[in-house]
Protein backbone atom coordinates (compact mmCIF):
# COMPACT_ATOMS: atom_id res chain seq x y z
CA ARG A 1 4.24 2.17 -31.55
CA LEU A 2 0.78 0.82 -32.21
CA LEU A 3 0.03 0.25 -35.88
CA ALA A 4 -3.17 -1.10 -37.45
CA GLU A 5 -4.20 -1.66 -41.05
CA ASP A 6 -7.19 -3.13 -42.91
CA LEU A 7 -7.04 -5.24 -46.04
CA VAL A 8 -9.77 -6.64 -48.27
CA ARG A 9 -8.98 -9.17 -50.98
CA GLN A 10 -11.43 -11.05 -53.15
CA HIS A 11 -11.36 -13.74 -55.79
CA SER A 12 -14.49 -14.48 -57.79
CA TRP A 13 -15.64 -15.82 -61.14
CA GLN A 14 -18.97 -16.35 -62.82
CA ALA A 15 -20.56 -17.95 -65.86
CA ASN A 16 -23.77 -16.54 -67.31
CA GLN A 17 -25.89 -17.64 -70.23
CA GLU A 18 -29.12 -16.09 -71.50
CA PHE A 19 -31.43 -16.95 -74.37
CA ARG A 20 -34.13 -14.66 -75.76
CA LEU A 21 -36.81 -15.00 -78.39
CA ALA A 22 -38.55 -11.82 -79.58
CA SER A 23 -41.39 -11.54 -82.05
CA SER A 24 -41.67 -9.01 -84.87
CA PHE A 25 -45.32 -9.20 -85.88
CA SER A 26 -46.90 -6.53 -88.03
CA GLY A 27 -49.98 -6.39 -85.82
CA PRO A 28 -50.52 -4.64 -82.49
CA PHE A 29 -49.15 -7.50 -80.35
CA ASN A 30 -45.56 -8.63 -79.85
CA PHE A 31 -43.73 -10.53 -77.16
CA SER A 32 -40.34 -11.44 -75.75
CA VAL A 33 -39.54 -14.61 -73.78
CA GLY A 34 -36.34 -16.05 -72.46
CA GLY A 35 -34.38 -17.62 -69.67
CA ASN A 36 -30.99 -17.33 -68.06
CA TYR A 37 -28.64 -19.15 -65.74
CA MET A 38 -25.82 -17.78 -63.63
CA HIS A 39 -23.17 -19.55 -61.58
CA TYR A 40 -21.15 -17.31 -59.27
CA GLU A 41 -18.39 -18.16 -56.81
CA THR A 42 -16.51 -15.78 -54.58
CA VAL A 43 -14.18 -15.81 -51.60
CA GLU A 44 -13.77 -12.52 -49.79
CA ASP A 45 -11.26 -12.00 -47.01
CA TYR A 46 -11.30 -9.03 -44.68
CA TYR A 47 -8.21 -8.65 -42.50
CA VAL A 48 -7.33 -6.32 -39.65
CA PHE A 49 -3.66 -6.31 -38.68
CA ILE A 50 -2.55 -4.84 -35.35
CA ASN A 51 1.08 -5.23 -34.30
CA SER A 52 0.13 -5.51 -30.63
CA MET A 53 -1.91 -8.61 -31.46
CA THR A 54 1.18 -10.30 -32.87
CA ALA A 55 3.12 -9.37 -29.74
CA PHE A 56 0.31 -10.73 -27.57
CA SER A 57 0.20 -13.96 -29.59
CA TRP A 58 3.92 -14.53 -29.11
CA ILE A 59 4.17 -13.66 -25.43
CA PHE A 60 0.92 -15.08 -24.06
CA SER A 61 0.91 -18.50 -25.70
CA GLY A 62 3.09 -21.56 -25.92
CA GLN A 63 5.19 -23.04 -23.14
CA GLY A 64 3.80 -20.85 -20.41
CA ALA A 65 1.33 -18.02 -20.74
CA GLY A 66 2.83 -14.66 -20.00
CA ASP A 67 6.34 -15.93 -20.72
CA ARG A 68 8.17 -12.72 -21.52
CA THR A 69 11.52 -14.56 -21.52
CA ARG A 70 10.85 -16.04 -24.95
CA GLY A 71 12.37 -13.02 -26.62
CA PRO A 72 10.89 -10.90 -29.40
CA TRP A 73 8.97 -12.34 -32.31
CA VAL A 74 11.08 -12.33 -35.49
CA PRO A 75 9.24 -12.25 -38.86
CA ASN A 76 9.98 -15.25 -41.09
CA VAL A 77 11.81 -16.92 -38.20
CA SER A 78 9.33 -17.36 -35.35
CA ASP A 79 5.76 -18.49 -35.93
CA GLY A 80 4.86 -20.41 -32.77
CA SER A 81 5.12 -23.72 -34.62
CA GLU A 82 7.32 -25.37 -31.99
CA CYS A 83 4.23 -26.30 -29.96
CA LEU A 84 1.62 -26.75 -32.67
CA GLY A 85 0.31 -30.27 -32.99
CA ARG A 86 0.72 -30.24 -36.74
CA PHE A 87 4.51 -30.20 -36.26
CA GLY A 88 5.16 -33.67 -34.82
CA GLY A 89 1.93 -34.11 -32.88
CA LEU A 90 2.05 -33.94 -29.08
CA LYS A 91 4.74 -31.78 -27.55
CA TYR A 92 5.88 -31.85 -23.92
CA ASN A 93 6.05 -28.45 -22.33
CA ASP A 94 9.56 -27.09 -21.99
CA PRO A 95 11.01 -28.17 -18.59
CA ALA A 96 12.67 -24.78 -18.35
CA HIS A 97 9.19 -23.35 -18.07
CA GLY A 98 7.65 -25.85 -15.67
CA GLY A 99 7.30 -28.94 -17.87
CA GLY A 100 4.01 -30.77 -17.58
CA GLU A 101 1.87 -33.14 -19.62
CA PRO A 102 1.98 -33.06 -23.41
CA THR A 103 -0.39 -30.62 -25.08
CA VAL A 104 -1.64 -29.99 -28.60
CA ASN A 105 -2.05 -26.66 -30.32
CA GLN A 106 -1.12 -24.57 -27.30
CA CYS A 107 0.37 -21.84 -29.46
CA VAL A 108 -1.29 -19.05 -31.36
CA TYR A 109 0.07 -19.56 -34.88
CA ILE A 110 1.67 -16.37 -36.18
CA ASP A 111 1.60 -15.88 -39.93
CA PRO A 112 5.24 -14.88 -40.63
CA ASN A 113 4.59 -13.59 -44.14
CA PRO A 114 4.25 -10.01 -45.38
CA ILE A 115 0.85 -8.72 -46.46
CA GLU A 116 1.64 -9.43 -50.12
CA SER A 117 1.93 -13.19 -49.48
CA LEU A 118 -0.14 -14.11 -46.44
CA ASP A 119 -0.75 -17.79 -45.87
CA GLY A 120 -4.10 -16.87 -44.28
CA ASN A 121 -3.79 -19.31 -41.35
CA GLY A 122 -2.55 -16.98 -38.64
CA HIS A 123 -4.48 -16.13 -35.51
CA ASN A 124 -2.42 -13.01 -34.80
CA TYR A 125 -4.76 -10.99 -37.04
CA PHE A 126 -8.50 -10.70 -37.50
CA ARG A 127 -9.66 -12.52 -40.62
CA SER A 128 -13.24 -12.76 -41.85
CA ASN A 129 -13.38 -15.40 -44.60
CA ASN A 130 -16.63 -15.67 -46.56
CA PRO A 131 -16.83 -18.38 -49.26
CA TYR A 132 -20.10 -18.23 -51.16
CA VAL A 133 -21.62 -20.01 -54.19
CA LEU A 134 -24.75 -18.91 -56.07
CA ASN A 135 -26.73 -20.74 -58.73
CA SER A 136 -29.55 -18.63 -60.15
CA TYR A 137 -32.18 -19.71 -62.67
CA ALA A 138 -34.82 -17.52 -64.27
CA ALA A 139 -37.51 -17.67 -66.95
CA PHE A 140 -39.29 -14.55 -68.11
CA GLY A 141 -41.77 -13.29 -70.62
CA GLU A 142 -43.20 -9.94 -71.62
CA GLY A 143 -46.01 -8.90 -73.93
CA TYR A 144 -46.54 -5.58 -75.75
CA PHE A 145 -49.88 -4.42 -77.06
CA ASP A 146 -50.52 -1.23 -79.06
CA VAL A 147 -54.04 -0.23 -78.08
CA THR A 148 -53.79 2.78 -80.41
CA PRO A 149 -50.82 4.29 -82.26
CA ASP A 150 -50.30 6.55 -79.24
CA LEU A 151 -51.00 4.07 -76.42
CA LYS A 152 -48.89 0.99 -75.61
CA LEU A 153 -49.38 -1.54 -72.80
CA THR A 154 -46.61 -3.75 -71.43
CA GLY A 155 -46.93 -6.66 -69.02
CA GLY A 156 -44.43 -9.27 -67.93
CA LEU A 157 -43.67 -11.97 -65.39
CA ARG A 158 -40.42 -13.50 -64.17
CA TRP A 159 -39.75 -16.68 -62.21
CA THR A 160 -36.47 -16.74 -60.30
CA GLN A 161 -34.86 -19.49 -58.27
CA ASP A 162 -31.78 -18.62 -56.22
CA GLN A 163 -29.71 -21.32 -54.58
CA LYS A 164 -27.04 -20.13 -52.16
CA HIS A 165 -24.32 -22.18 -50.51
CA PHE A 166 -22.41 -20.56 -47.62
CA THR A 167 -19.48 -22.12 -45.81
CA LEU A 168 -19.42 -20.86 -42.24
CA VAL A 169 -15.85 -19.93 -41.29
CA PRO A 170 -15.52 -18.20 -37.92
CA SER A 171 -12.64 -15.81 -37.33
CA GLN A 172 -9.93 -17.00 -34.94
CA LEU A 173 -8.32 -13.93 -33.41
CA LEU A 174 -5.78 -14.92 -30.71
CA SER A 175 -7.21 -18.44 -30.41
CA ASN A 176 -4.86 -21.39 -30.12
CA GLY A 177 -3.92 -23.43 -33.16
CA TRP A 178 -3.47 -22.99 -36.88
CA GLY A 179 -5.90 -22.33 -39.71
CA TYR A 180 -9.57 -21.53 -40.16
CA PRO A 181 -11.76 -24.65 -40.12
CA SER A 182 -15.42 -24.31 -41.06
CA ASN A 183 -18.14 -25.17 -38.60
CA GLY A 184 -20.77 -26.10 -41.15
CA VAL A 185 -22.58 -24.93 -44.26
CA VAL A 186 -25.88 -23.21 -44.92
CA ASP A 187 -27.83 -24.12 -48.06
CA GLN A 188 -30.73 -21.84 -48.96
CA GLN A 189 -33.19 -21.62 -51.81
CA TRP A 190 -35.83 -19.09 -52.78
CA ASP A 191 -38.42 -19.20 -55.58
CA ALA A 192 -40.03 -15.88 -56.45
CA ILE A 193 -42.55 -14.65 -59.01
CA THR A 194 -42.03 -11.01 -59.93
CA GLY A 195 -43.27 -8.84 -62.74
CA ARG A 196 -44.23 -5.45 -64.04
CA ALA A 197 -47.01 -3.63 -65.85
CA ALA A 198 -46.51 -0.37 -67.73
CA VAL A 199 -48.41 2.03 -69.94
CA ASN A 200 -46.79 4.47 -72.41
CA TRP A 201 -48.76 7.30 -74.00
CA THR A 202 -47.28 9.54 -76.69
CA PRO A 203 -49.83 12.32 -77.21
CA LYS A 204 -49.49 14.98 -79.90
CA LEU A 205 -49.22 18.29 -78.07
CA ASN A 206 -48.97 21.81 -79.46
CA PHE A 207 -46.28 22.98 -77.04
CA THR A 208 -43.82 20.08 -77.39
CA ASP A 209 -42.02 18.37 -80.25
CA GLN A 210 -42.38 14.94 -78.66
CA THR A 211 -43.95 13.83 -75.37
CA LEU A 212 -44.05 10.51 -73.59
CA VAL A 213 -46.20 10.00 -70.50
CA PHE A 214 -45.60 6.75 -68.67
CA GLY A 215 -46.71 4.89 -65.60
CA SER A 216 -45.56 1.57 -64.21
CA PHE A 217 -45.90 -0.90 -61.38
CA ALA A 218 -43.24 -3.51 -60.59
CA HIS A 219 -42.90 -6.18 -57.95
CA GLY A 220 -39.23 -6.97 -57.29
CA TYR A 221 -37.23 -9.36 -55.18
CA LYS A 222 -33.72 -9.66 -53.72
CA ALA A 223 -32.59 -12.95 -52.18
CA GLY A 224 -31.77 -13.33 -48.52
CA GLY A 225 -28.66 -15.08 -47.27
CA ALA A 226 -26.59 -16.33 -44.37
CA ASN A 227 -24.77 -14.18 -41.85
CA PRO A 228 -21.10 -14.93 -41.14
CA PRO A 229 -20.65 -16.84 -37.88
CA GLY A 230 -19.44 -15.13 -34.74
CA PRO A 231 -15.72 -15.26 -33.96
CA VAL A 232 -13.95 -17.98 -32.00
CA LEU A 233 -12.01 -16.19 -29.26
CA PRO A 234 -9.69 -17.21 -26.40
CA THR A 235 -11.56 -18.62 -23.41
CA PHE A 236 -10.35 -18.47 -19.83
CA SER A 237 -13.31 -20.12 -18.15
CA GLU A 238 -16.06 -22.57 -18.96
CA ALA A 239 -18.41 -19.62 -18.59
CA ASP A 240 -16.85 -17.83 -21.55
CA ALA A 241 -19.19 -17.86 -24.53
CA ASN A 242 -18.38 -17.06 -28.12
CA PRO A 243 -20.99 -14.83 -29.77
CA ILE A 244 -23.93 -16.39 -31.58
CA HIS A 245 -25.67 -14.46 -34.36
CA PRO A 246 -28.83 -14.97 -36.38
CA LEU A 247 -27.84 -17.65 -38.88
CA THR A 248 -29.75 -16.20 -41.83
CA PHE A 249 -31.56 -13.08 -43.00
CA LYS A 250 -34.73 -12.76 -45.05
CA PRO A 251 -35.21 -11.80 -48.68
CA GLU A 252 -36.19 -8.27 -49.67
CA TYR A 253 -39.32 -7.44 -51.68
CA ILE A 254 -40.44 -4.20 -53.25
CA ASP A 255 -43.62 -2.85 -54.81
CA ALA A 256 -42.55 0.08 -56.98
CA PHE A 257 -44.85 2.67 -58.55
CA GLU A 258 -43.59 5.29 -61.00
CA LEU A 259 -45.24 8.06 -63.01
CA GLY A 260 -43.44 10.43 -65.31
CA THR A 261 -43.05 12.27 -68.58
CA LYS A 262 -40.25 12.83 -71.13
CA ASN A 263 -40.41 15.84 -73.43
CA THR A 264 -38.52 17.46 -76.30
CA LEU A 265 -39.23 21.17 -76.91
CA PHE A 266 -38.15 24.15 -79.05
CA ASP A 267 -37.13 22.11 -82.08
CA GLY A 268 -34.98 19.82 -79.99
CA ALA A 269 -33.16 22.56 -78.10
CA LEU A 270 -34.63 21.51 -74.72
CA THR A 271 -35.13 18.08 -73.18
CA LEU A 272 -37.15 17.97 -69.97
CA ASN A 273 -37.90 14.78 -68.04
CA LEU A 274 -39.93 14.54 -64.81
CA SER A 275 -40.87 11.55 -62.70
CA ALA A 276 -42.31 10.65 -59.31
CA PHE A 277 -41.96 7.33 -57.51
CA TYR A 278 -43.19 5.38 -54.49
CA TYR A 279 -41.42 2.26 -53.20
CA ASP A 280 -42.89 -0.05 -50.58
CA TYR A 281 -40.25 -2.39 -49.15
CA THR A 282 -40.77 -5.57 -47.15
CA GLY A 283 -37.60 -6.85 -45.51
CA TYR A 284 -35.32 -4.01 -46.64
CA GLN A 285 -31.79 -5.30 -45.94
CA ILE A 286 -29.34 -3.24 -43.86
CA SER A 287 -26.03 -4.62 -42.63
CA GLU A 288 -24.14 -3.69 -39.48
CA ILE A 289 -20.99 -4.80 -37.69
CA VAL A 290 -21.71 -6.82 -34.54
CA ASP A 291 -19.12 -8.73 -32.50
CA ARG A 292 -16.41 -8.20 -35.10
CA THR A 293 -18.44 -9.60 -37.98
CA ALA A 294 -21.25 -8.39 -40.24
CA ILE A 295 -24.91 -9.34 -39.97
CA ASN A 296 -27.91 -8.25 -42.00
CA LEU A 297 -31.15 -6.97 -40.51
CA ASN A 298 -34.54 -6.68 -42.24
CA PHE A 299 -36.84 -3.66 -41.97
CA ASN A 300 -40.06 -2.63 -43.65
CA ALA A 301 -39.72 0.79 -45.24
CA LYS A 302 -41.23 3.23 -47.71
CA ILE A 303 -39.53 5.65 -50.09
CA LYS A 304 -41.23 8.39 -52.05
CA GLY A 305 -39.75 11.09 -54.18
CA ALA A 306 -39.36 12.88 -57.48
CA GLU A 307 -36.62 13.53 -60.04
CA PHE A 308 -36.03 15.92 -62.91
CA GLU A 309 -33.54 16.07 -65.76
CA ALA A 310 -33.07 18.88 -68.26
CA VAL A 311 -30.68 19.57 -71.15
CA TRP A 312 -30.77 22.94 -72.94
CA GLU A 313 -28.77 23.97 -75.99
CA PRO A 314 -29.67 27.65 -76.64
CA VAL A 315 -27.15 28.01 -79.48
CA PRO A 316 -25.11 25.41 -81.34
CA GLY A 317 -22.17 24.27 -79.24
CA LEU A 318 -23.38 25.69 -75.92
CA ARG A 319 -25.12 23.19 -73.66
CA PHE A 320 -26.42 23.32 -70.10
CA ASN A 321 -27.63 20.35 -68.11
CA ALA A 322 -29.30 20.01 -64.73
CA SER A 323 -30.71 17.13 -62.73
CA GLY A 324 -31.94 16.78 -59.22
CA GLY A 325 -33.92 14.63 -56.92
CA TYR A 326 -35.98 14.58 -53.76
CA GLN A 327 -36.62 11.49 -51.66
CA ASP A 328 -38.21 10.72 -48.34
CA ALA A 329 -36.92 7.27 -47.29
CA ARG A 330 -38.22 6.09 -43.93
CA ALA A 331 -38.66 2.96 -41.86
CA ASN A 332 -42.24 1.89 -41.24
CA LYS A 333 -44.02 2.56 -37.99
CA GLY A 334 -43.21 -0.07 -35.37
CA GLU A 335 -39.73 -0.99 -36.67
CA ASN A 336 -37.10 -1.36 -33.94
CA ALA A 337 -33.59 -2.64 -33.27
CA VAL A 338 -30.81 -2.52 -30.67
CA ASP A 339 -28.48 0.46 -31.19
CA LEU A 340 -24.87 -0.57 -30.47
CA MET A 341 -24.07 3.10 -29.86
CA ASP A 342 -26.69 3.20 -27.11
CA ARG A 343 -27.61 -0.29 -25.89
CA THR A 344 -29.48 1.00 -22.85
CA ALA A 345 -31.55 3.43 -24.98
CA GLY A 346 -31.25 6.04 -22.23
CA ASN A 347 -32.47 3.77 -19.42
CA THR A 348 -30.32 4.83 -16.45
CA ASP A 349 -31.21 1.71 -14.44
CA TRP A 350 -29.10 -0.41 -16.80
CA MET A 351 -25.50 -0.22 -18.02
CA VAL A 352 -23.26 -1.80 -20.66
CA VAL A 353 -20.87 -4.50 -19.46
CA ARG A 354 -17.95 -5.98 -21.33
CA PRO A 355 -17.92 -9.77 -20.96
CA PHE A 356 -14.13 -10.22 -20.79
CA PRO A 357 -11.14 -8.30 -22.20
CA THR A 358 -10.76 -10.72 -25.11
CA GLN A 359 -14.44 -11.52 -25.65
CA ALA A 360 -17.10 -9.99 -27.85
CA SER A 361 -20.86 -9.61 -27.31
CA ASN A 362 -21.17 -6.80 -24.79
CA CYS A 363 -24.32 -7.07 -22.72
CA ILE A 364 -26.42 -4.91 -20.45
CA LEU A 365 -27.07 -5.56 -16.76
CA PRO A 366 -28.99 -3.65 -14.10
CA VAL A 367 -26.84 -1.08 -12.31
CA SER A 368 -27.81 -2.73 -9.01
CA VAL A 369 -26.36 -6.05 -10.18
CA VAL A 370 -23.10 -4.46 -11.34
CA THR A 371 -22.82 -2.57 -8.05
CA THR A 372 -23.20 -5.84 -6.15
CA LEU A 373 -20.64 -7.58 -8.35
CA LEU A 374 -18.10 -4.85 -7.60
CA GLN A 375 -18.73 -5.28 -3.87
CA GLN A 376 -17.84 -8.95 -4.00
CA GLN A 377 -14.32 -10.02 -3.07
CA ASN A 378 -12.67 -13.36 -3.76
CA TRP A 379 -11.78 -15.31 -0.68
CA SER A 380 -8.24 -15.69 -1.98
CA ASP A 381 -5.97 -12.86 -0.81
CA MET A 382 -4.02 -13.32 -4.04
CA ASN A 383 -6.99 -12.66 -6.29
CA LEU A 384 -8.98 -9.47 -5.99
CA SER A 385 -10.71 -9.75 -9.38
CA HIS A 386 -14.03 -8.73 -7.86
CA GLY A 387 -15.54 -12.15 -8.08
CA ASN A 388 -17.81 -12.82 -11.00
CA SER A 389 -17.89 -9.41 -12.64
CA VAL A 390 -15.50 -10.32 -15.46
CA LEU A 391 -17.76 -13.20 -16.53
CA SER A 392 -21.11 -11.65 -15.70
CA CYS A 393 -22.39 -11.51 -19.32
CA SER A 394 -21.66 -15.19 -19.88
CA HIS A 395 -23.09 -16.23 -16.51
CA ALA A 396 -26.29 -14.29 -17.14
CA TYR A 397 -27.04 -14.91 -20.80
CA ALA A 398 -25.15 -18.10 -21.70
CA ASP A 399 -25.70 -20.04 -18.47
CA LEU A 400 -28.97 -18.22 -17.58
CA THR A 401 -27.84 -17.88 -13.97
CA ASP A 402 -27.75 -14.90 -11.65
CA PRO A 403 -24.22 -13.51 -12.20
CA VAL A 404 -23.89 -12.67 -8.49
CA THR A 405 -24.95 -16.04 -7.06
CA GLN A 406 -24.16 -18.15 -10.15
CA MET A 407 -27.33 -20.07 -9.36
CA PRO A 408 -30.68 -20.15 -11.14
CA TYR A 409 -32.75 -17.16 -10.18
CA ARG A 410 -34.99 -17.49 -7.14
CA ALA A 411 -37.13 -14.54 -6.13
CA PRO A 412 -37.03 -13.69 -2.42
CA THR A 413 -40.28 -14.37 -0.58
CA PRO A 414 -41.48 -13.56 2.94
CA GLY A 415 -40.88 -17.16 3.98
CA ASN A 416 -37.37 -17.37 2.60
CA PRO A 417 -34.30 -15.32 3.47
CA LEU A 418 -32.92 -12.93 0.88
CA ILE A 419 -30.56 -14.45 -1.64
CA GLY A 420 -27.75 -12.27 -0.37
CA SER A 421 -26.80 -14.53 2.50
CA GLY A 422 -24.46 -17.18 1.04
CA THR A 423 -21.48 -17.64 -1.23
CA ALA A 424 -20.88 -18.11 -4.95
CA THR A 425 -18.29 -20.80 -5.62
CA GLY A 426 -17.70 -20.44 -9.36
CA ALA A 427 -15.91 -17.11 -9.49
CA ILE A 428 -12.42 -16.73 -10.86
CA GLY A 429 -9.94 -17.30 -8.04
CA GLY A 430 -12.35 -19.01 -5.68
CA PRO A 431 -15.65 -18.46 -3.84
CA THR A 432 -17.04 -14.98 -3.28
CA SER A 433 -19.44 -13.58 -0.77
CA ILE A 434 -22.93 -12.47 -1.66
CA PRO A 435 -23.66 -9.11 -0.02
CA ALA A 436 -26.58 -9.18 2.36
CA GLY A 437 -29.78 -7.71 1.04
CA TYR A 438 -29.15 -8.66 -2.58
CA GLN A 439 -32.52 -9.25 -4.24
CA GLY A 440 -31.38 -11.37 -7.18
CA PHE A 441 -31.58 -10.97 -10.95
CA ASN A 442 -33.49 -13.04 -13.46
CA PRO A 443 -31.61 -13.04 -16.82
CA LEU A 444 -34.84 -13.88 -18.63
CA SER A 445 -36.15 -10.45 -17.65
CA ALA A 446 -33.48 -8.67 -19.72
CA PRO A 447 -34.59 -7.25 -23.06
CA ASN A 448 -33.40 -9.03 -26.22
CA GLY A 449 -31.46 -11.67 -24.32
CA GLY A 450 -29.27 -9.04 -22.68
CA ALA A 451 -28.18 -7.41 -25.96
CA GLY A 452 -29.93 -4.17 -25.09
CA PHE A 453 -33.19 -2.25 -25.32
CA SER A 454 -34.78 -1.95 -28.75
CA LYS A 455 -35.07 1.59 -30.04
CA ASP A 456 -38.20 2.70 -31.83
CA LEU A 457 -37.19 3.40 -35.43
CA SER A 458 -40.61 4.50 -36.63
CA ASN A 459 -40.19 7.05 -39.44
CA ASN A 460 -36.40 7.10 -39.09
CA THR A 461 -34.60 7.98 -42.32
CA LEU A 462 -32.87 5.11 -44.10
CA PRO A 463 -29.06 5.16 -44.37
CA ASN A 464 -27.38 6.95 -47.27
CA ALA A 465 -30.61 8.56 -48.49
CA PRO A 466 -30.06 12.35 -48.76
CA PRO A 467 -33.38 14.20 -49.16
CA PHE A 468 -32.07 16.45 -51.95
CA THR A 469 -29.38 16.14 -54.62
CA LEU A 470 -28.48 18.52 -57.45
CA SER A 471 -26.17 18.26 -60.46
CA LEU A 472 -25.35 21.17 -62.79
CA GLY A 473 -23.17 21.22 -65.87
CA ALA A 474 -22.18 23.49 -68.72
CA GLN A 475 -20.03 23.01 -71.79
CA TYR A 476 -19.05 24.90 -74.90
CA SER A 477 -17.72 23.22 -78.04
CA VAL A 478 -16.21 25.10 -80.97
CA PRO A 479 -14.30 24.10 -84.11
CA LEU A 480 -10.62 25.08 -83.86
CA THR A 481 -9.41 23.91 -87.27
CA GLU A 482 -10.79 21.72 -90.04
CA ASP A 483 -9.66 18.64 -88.08
CA TRP A 484 -9.86 19.67 -84.44
CA ALA A 485 -12.61 20.78 -82.08
CA GLY A 486 -12.31 22.04 -78.54
CA THR A 487 -14.66 21.65 -75.57
CA LEU A 488 -14.64 23.31 -72.17
CA ARG A 489 -16.85 21.73 -69.51
CA THR A 490 -17.64 22.20 -65.83
CA ASP A 491 -19.67 19.97 -63.51
CA PHE A 492 -21.06 20.78 -60.09
CA TYR A 493 -22.66 18.35 -57.59
CA TRP A 494 -24.35 19.00 -54.24
CA GLN A 495 -25.76 16.48 -51.79
CA ASP A 496 -27.90 17.23 -48.77
CA ASP A 497 -27.32 15.96 -45.23
CA SER A 498 -27.95 12.24 -44.78
CA TRP A 499 -27.60 9.53 -42.14
CA ALA A 500 -24.98 6.78 -41.90
CA ARG A 501 -27.21 4.45 -39.86
CA ILE A 502 -30.92 3.84 -39.49
CA PHE A 503 -30.75 4.88 -35.82
CA ASN A 504 -30.30 8.55 -36.82
CA ASP A 505 -28.24 9.33 -33.71
CA ASN A 506 -27.45 13.04 -33.93
CA PRO A 507 -24.74 14.19 -34.38
CA TYR A 508 -22.89 10.87 -34.60
CA ASP A 509 -24.83 9.34 -37.53
CA ARG A 510 -25.22 12.56 -39.49
CA ILE A 511 -23.31 12.86 -42.77
CA ARG A 512 -22.98 16.54 -43.60
CA SER A 513 -23.86 17.97 -47.00
CA TYR A 514 -21.03 18.45 -49.44
CA THR A 515 -20.25 19.80 -52.91
CA ASN A 516 -17.89 18.86 -55.69
CA LEU A 517 -16.65 20.84 -58.71
CA ASN A 518 -14.83 19.44 -61.77
CA LEU A 519 -13.30 21.16 -64.81
CA THR A 520 -12.46 19.55 -68.15
CA ALA A 521 -10.84 20.69 -71.40
CA ILE A 522 -11.06 18.36 -74.43
CA LEU A 523 -9.44 18.45 -77.89
CA THR A 524 -10.99 16.05 -80.41
CA ASN A 525 -9.60 15.11 -83.82
CA GLN A 526 -11.59 13.66 -86.73
CA GLY A 527 -8.90 11.00 -87.04
CA GLY A 528 -9.91 9.50 -83.68
CA TRP A 529 -7.47 11.29 -81.38
CA GLN A 530 -8.64 12.90 -78.16
CA VAL A 531 -6.63 14.85 -75.58
CA MET A 532 -8.35 15.53 -72.27
CA GLY A 533 -7.06 17.61 -69.39
CA TYR A 534 -9.07 17.67 -66.19
CA ILE A 535 -9.18 18.85 -62.61
CA LYS A 536 -11.38 16.81 -60.29
CA ASN A 537 -12.45 18.29 -56.96
CA VAL A 538 -11.22 21.75 -57.89
CA LEU A 539 -11.81 23.16 -54.40
CA ASN A 540 -9.98 20.21 -52.80
CA THR A 541 -12.94 19.54 -50.51
CA THR A 542 -12.58 16.68 -48.05
CA ALA A 543 -16.04 15.40 -47.15
CA ILE A 544 -17.37 12.24 -45.55
CA THR A 545 -19.56 10.43 -48.08
CA GLY A 546 -20.33 7.35 -45.99
CA ALA A 547 -19.41 5.53 -42.78
CA PHE A 548 -19.86 2.28 -40.94
CA LEU A 549 -19.68 1.68 -37.22
CA ASN A 550 -17.69 -1.13 -35.66
CA SER A 551 -19.37 -2.73 -32.68
CA ASP A 552 -18.86 -1.60 -29.12
CA ASP A 553 -16.76 -4.64 -28.18
CA SER A 554 -14.07 -3.07 -30.39
CA ASN A 555 -14.62 0.40 -28.91
CA LEU A 556 -17.09 1.81 -31.47
CA THR A 557 -14.42 2.73 -33.96
CA THR A 558 -15.77 4.07 -37.24
CA ASN A 559 -14.60 3.65 -40.81
CA VAL A 560 -15.36 6.65 -43.01
CA PHE A 561 -15.31 7.09 -46.77
CA LEU A 562 -13.99 10.41 -48.08
CA THR A 563 -14.10 12.33 -51.33
CA ASP A 564 -10.94 11.98 -53.39
CA PRO A 565 -8.49 14.87 -53.06
CA ARG A 566 -7.93 17.30 -55.92
CA LEU A 567 -6.73 15.34 -58.94
CA ILE A 568 -5.10 16.92 -62.00
CA GLY A 569 -4.71 14.65 -64.98
CA LEU A 570 -4.11 14.30 -68.70
CA ARG A 571 -5.55 11.51 -70.83
CA ILE A 572 -4.77 10.80 -74.49
CA THR A 573 -6.83 8.26 -76.44
CA LYS A 574 -6.97 7.02 -80.01
CA ASN A 575 -10.00 5.33 -81.56
CA TRP A 576 -10.04 3.30 -84.75
């Protein structure tokens, strides 16, 4: 039976050093300055194992494609190495299967190891390998000035330099050979000046014990980066084209405004904090899966909202807490992108076409062109592959030729006969006819290079940004003996509906609201012992908390993230 499994493994290390110098003057002015350096290296592998891919690798490679007489693949015994160039160089094809000139790397190498000890060089699985090195330098300074005993001003600046080094390693699913060679590196560097300004006011009010009113503005920055390269896939024609993605993505900048207040009331029995915020993003980074790899897109967006937090202790030992938030997170007017769930954006004159069974990068073509392609027949009686249709995406958008004629586009004119009067010689299996009356297709007229129509994302809600959230909690603590105290606590969380993608396709992208309830009982000893019993997700609710869409070349499968099931546990700790 068909079996598939994902695996992510990562190895990383970093070194970080920071130095700070802070003043302690008796006057109204003080400062803090410093600098830091970070070196970070990581290698992340993402694998997808599908047993049918191993079977395909064994049967459809080596001394004769489609050789089902080779017998079954045997783990730890068969790996396709008998015809890999790295084992003795050139190998003549087996005479029992037709012989022929010597070839190199005509097998798909099969990693014979179990998941726990992969050698990582197999092409019978999907592997996305992403080596990355970061060197980051920063210098910063901040000044504090007490205008009055109740009014304090803060201002600071930060210089950051980020240097990123990416090794581009394309995936090699079902391609001939062994290993994952890189096809280059991308070195990037950004220098950014960021900073913040804030004012804190602590007025003396009759109705509070303590009050802080604050306001701030900050300009922030997040480095850009390089997108992983598109996969290297089996090719069956010179017209086949491996996908090409944007090599890099831009940095993200934010202008953040915040205004709020923190208060203590009723002799410390009540804490009440309120704040409002407004974020203006330039180049907000959102990733998506395209052609079996991840790329990052940049959007301009704005987020506004408010938050509250309250803690109330009406009597000693009894405490209630509540917090909640509202946010309105939307893309700016005029933002747009191609939706892999709906490449034609509802335009019925166009349709999605798969470039080849093993290829990525689905494209769109006019329905009239696809209809004509399906009318074509190869001249060979042994090949009824409908001419050029299986390579139409590559013909149109890699070669920039009309996929029906396989010639550069020429518009019909009154003085010239219609294009549909000849033959196309480059189709699989031989020449094909061009139906009379065909008007031709100019690939340059396709939107976004044939990837699809851009959807207007103006005012669309950003992913994973629920408008409302609410947390409630209650606990009661009481002495049990001279040495032990007991606490009972419950926590409740609710999250509003949100969207998994910026396209806001309903109902597909909608993440439904969900709740979670936890219970805890704690025994604490003055000698440092603590015994905690807990039930997480008391109602055993299974809810989707997030999702990501795989691209349409892999059938728009979706990975979802779920709440953990009900968990009952006991934890004993001792502190010294």
